[in-house]
Amino acid sequence: MGSEPQECCGACAHKKETPRSEELKHDVTCRINRAIGQLNGIKAMVEEDRYCGDVLTQLAAVESAVKAVSREVMQDHLETCVVERIQAGDTEVVDEVMRLFKKFM
């Protein structure tokens, strides 16, 4: 075992790594940064004693943004890691996917 990067999507027993496209990394990073900005804005709203309804509206917007990022990462996971593991004969990945879905329901 050298220091070479892992090329599997979790099918191996060692450290799991998932290679991602630069486009996905960029999009997810931008979306997360936007959500962080929204959260910082909400924090300021609370510190400034802004109206509860306005704070709740912004919280709902952040929650929606985070769910959108989760859906994007889940789709990539299904299209890459899960497909590769099933093609390799590892059907245990289905249980993993079901556990992940339960977290979002």
C-alpha atoms as a PDB file:
ATOM      1  CA  MET A   1       0.000   0.000   0.000  1.00  0.00           C
ATOM      2  CA  GLY A   2       1.561   3.239  -1.168  1.00  0.00           C
ATOM      3  CA  SER A   3       0.317   6.775  -0.890  1.00  0.00           C
ATOM      4  CA  GLU A   4      -1.600   6.555  -4.164  1.00  0.00           C
ATOM      5  CA  PRO A   5      -5.130   8.010  -4.135  1.00  0.00           C
ATOM      6  CA  GLN A   6      -7.992   5.576  -3.825  1.00  0.00           C
ATOM      7  CA  GLU A   7      -9.911   5.033  -7.057  1.00  0.00           C
ATOM      8  CA  CYS A   8     -12.868   3.214  -5.592  1.00  0.00           C
ATOM      9  CA  CYS A   9     -16.182   4.597  -4.430  1.00  0.00           C
ATOM     10  CA  GLY A  10     -16.266   2.818  -1.118  1.00  0.00           C
ATOM     11  CA  ALA A  11     -16.301  -0.742  -2.437  1.00  0.00           C
ATOM     12  CA  CYS A  12     -12.955  -1.342  -0.757  1.00  0.00           C
ATOM     13  CA  ALA A  13     -12.468  -1.971   2.940  1.00  0.00           C
ATOM     14  CA  HIS A  14      -9.933   0.846   3.287  1.00  0.00           C
ATOM     15  CA  LYS A  15     -10.504   4.586   3.441  1.00  0.00           C
ATOM     16  CA  LYS A  16     -13.426   5.606   1.267  1.00  0.00           C
ATOM     17  CA  GLU A  17     -12.845   8.320  -1.296  1.00  0.00           C
ATOM     18  CA  THR A  18     -15.000   9.496  -4.146  1.00  0.00           C
ATOM     19  CA  PRO A  19     -13.466  11.221  -7.142  1.00  0.00           C
ATOM     20  CA  ARG A  20     -15.790  14.032  -8.242  1.00  0.00           C
ATOM     21  CA  SER A  21     -15.891  16.071 -11.399  1.00  0.00           C
ATOM     22  CA  GLU A  22     -14.570  19.612 -11.190  1.00  0.00           C
ATOM     23  CA  GLU A  23     -18.001  20.823 -12.316  1.00  0.00           C
ATOM     24  CA  LEU A  24     -19.745  19.059  -9.417  1.00  0.00           C
ATOM     25  CA  LYS A  25     -17.169  20.294  -6.909  1.00  0.00           C
ATOM     26  CA  HIS A  26     -17.583  23.851  -8.163  1.00  0.00           C
ATOM     27  CA  ASP A  27     -21.390  23.729  -8.128  1.00  0.00           C
ATOM     28  CA  VAL A  28     -21.631  22.138  -4.679  1.00  0.00           C
ATOM     29  CA  THR A  29     -19.045  24.540  -3.262  1.00  0.00           C
ATOM     30  CA  CYS A  30     -20.913  27.553  -4.657  1.00  0.00           C
ATOM     31  CA  ARG A  31     -24.216  26.313  -3.266  1.00  0.00           C
ATOM     32  CA  ILE A  32     -22.705  25.634   0.162  1.00  0.00           C
ATOM     33  CA  ASN A  33     -21.049  29.053   0.228  1.00  0.00           C
ATOM     34  CA  ARG A  34     -24.401  30.645  -0.651  1.00  0.00           C
ATOM     35  CA  ALA A  35     -26.084  28.758   2.201  1.00  0.00           C
ATOM     36  CA  ILE A  36     -23.328  29.842   4.587  1.00  0.00           C
ATOM     37  CA  GLY A  37     -23.937  33.433   3.509  1.00  0.00           C
ATOM     38  CA  GLN A  38     -27.651  33.003   4.132  1.00  0.00           C
ATOM     39  CA  LEU A  39     -26.964  31.551   7.584  1.00  0.00           C
ATOM     40  CA  ASN A  40     -24.706  34.474   8.434  1.00  0.00           C
ATOM     41  CA  GLY A  41     -27.496  36.811   7.344  1.00  0.00           C
ATOM     42  CA  ILE A  42     -29.968  34.969   9.558  1.00  0.00           C
ATOM     43  CA  LYS A  43     -27.559  35.191  12.478  1.00  0.00           C
ATOM     44  CA  ALA A  44     -27.405  38.960  11.964  1.00  0.00           C
ATOM     45  CA  MET A  45     -31.202  39.126  11.762  1.00  0.00           C
ATOM     46  CA  VAL A  46     -31.509  37.393  15.126  1.00  0.00           C
ATOM     47  CA  GLU A  47     -28.866  39.664  16.684  1.00  0.00           C
ATOM     48  CA  GLU A  48     -30.765  42.688  15.313  1.00  0.00           C
ATOM     49  CA  ASP A  49     -34.067  41.425  16.758  1.00  0.00           C
ATOM     50  CA  ARG A  50     -35.681  41.190  13.329  1.00  0.00           C
ATOM     51  CA  TYR A  51     -39.261  39.958  13.025  1.00  0.00           C
ATOM     52  CA  CYS A  52     -39.665  36.208  13.693  1.00  0.00           C
ATOM     53  CA  GLY A  53     -41.606  35.620  10.482  1.00  0.00           C
ATOM     54  CA  ASP A  54     -38.760  37.103   8.422  1.00  0.00           C
ATOM     55  CA  VAL A  55     -36.186  34.944  10.222  1.00  0.00           C
ATOM     56  CA  LEU A  56     -38.300  31.832   9.677  1.00  0.00           C
ATOM     57  CA  THR A  57     -38.690  32.640   5.987  1.00  0.00           C
ATOM     58  CA  GLN A  58     -34.926  32.881   5.615  1.00  0.00           C
ATOM     59  CA  LEU A  59     -34.432  29.646   7.576  1.00  0.00           C
ATOM     60  CA  ALA A  60     -36.818  27.880   5.188  1.00  0.00           C
ATOM     61  CA  ALA A  61     -34.806  29.221   2.244  1.00  0.00           C
ATOM     62  CA  VAL A  62     -31.552  27.872   3.696  1.00  0.00           C
ATOM     63  CA  GLU A  63     -33.134  24.512   4.405  1.00  0.00           C
ATOM     64  CA  SER A  64     -34.341  24.334   0.814  1.00  0.00           C
ATOM     65  CA  ALA A  65     -30.870  25.246  -0.471  1.00  0.00           C
ATOM     66  CA  VAL A  66     -29.193  22.560   1.641  1.00  0.00           C
ATOM     67  CA  LYS A  67     -31.706  19.945   0.473  1.00  0.00           C
ATOM     68  CA  ALA A  68     -30.939  20.905  -3.140  1.00  0.00           C
ATOM     69  CA  VAL A  69     -27.223  20.292  -2.500  1.00  0.00           C
ATOM     70  CA  SER A  70     -28.062  16.947  -0.892  1.00  0.00           C
ATOM     71  CA  ARG A  71     -30.112  15.911  -3.919  1.00  0.00           C
ATOM     72  CA  GLU A  72     -27.267  16.850  -6.251  1.00  0.00           C
ATOM     73  CA  VAL A  73     -24.702  14.849  -4.260  1.00  0.00           C
ATOM     74  CA  MET A  74     -27.144  11.920  -3.958  1.00  0.00           C
ATOM     75  CA  GLN A  75     -27.716  11.883  -7.716  1.00  0.00           C
ATOM     76  CA  ASP A  76     -23.968  11.858  -8.335  1.00  0.00           C
ATOM     77  CA  HIS A  77     -23.573   9.075  -5.770  1.00  0.00           C
ATOM     78  CA  LEU A  78     -26.239   6.974  -7.475  1.00  0.00           C
ATOM     79  CA  GLU A  79     -24.838   7.583 -10.966  1.00  0.00           C
ATOM     80  CA  THR A  80     -21.243   6.808 -10.016  1.00  0.00           C
ATOM     81  CA  CYS A  81     -20.468   4.989  -6.777  1.00  0.00           C
ATOM     82  CA  VAL A  82     -23.641   2.934  -6.565  1.00  0.00           C
ATOM     83  CA  VAL A  83     -23.568   1.897 -10.225  1.00  0.00           C
ATOM     84  CA  GLU A  84     -19.887   0.924  -9.958  1.00  0.00           C
ATOM     85  CA  ARG A  85     -20.449  -1.121  -6.806  1.00  0.00           C
ATOM     86  CA  ILE A  86     -23.447  -2.957  -8.255  1.00  0.00           C
ATOM     87  CA  GLN A  87     -21.535  -3.660 -11.472  1.00  0.00           C
ATOM     88  CA  ALA A  88     -18.767  -5.087  -9.275  1.00  0.00           C
ATOM     89  CA  GLY A  89     -21.312  -7.411  -7.650  1.00  0.00           C
ATOM     90  CA  ASP A  90     -21.614  -5.502  -4.364  1.00  0.00           C
ATOM     91  CA  THR A  91     -25.351  -5.396  -3.766  1.00  0.00           C
ATOM     92  CA  GLU A  92     -24.877  -4.356  -0.122  1.00  0.00           C
ATOM     93  CA  VAL A  93     -24.721  -0.814  -1.479  1.00  0.00           C
ATOM     94  CA  VAL A  94     -28.522  -0.958  -1.785  1.00  0.00           C
ATOM     95  CA  ASP A  95     -28.774  -1.098   2.023  1.00  0.00           C
ATOM     96  CA  GLU A  96     -26.476   1.915   2.254  1.00  0.00           C
ATOM     97  CA  VAL A  97     -28.625   3.844  -0.216  1.00  0.00           C
ATOM     98  CA  MET A  98     -31.769   3.005   1.748  1.00  0.00           C
ATOM     99  CA  ARG A  99     -30.146   4.287   4.962  1.00  0.00           C
ATOM    100  CA  LEU A 100     -29.205   7.489   3.146  1.00  0.00           C
ATOM    101  CA  PHE A 101     -32.743   7.938   1.781  1.00  0.00           C
ATOM    102  CA  LYS A 102     -34.179   7.507   5.284  1.00  0.00           C
ATOM    103  CA  LYS A 103     -32.047  10.436   6.476  1.00  0.00           C
ATOM    104  CA  PHE A 104     -33.730  12.687   3.927  1.00  0.00           C
ATOM    105  CA  MET A 105     -37.333  11.577   4.481  1.00  0.00           C
END
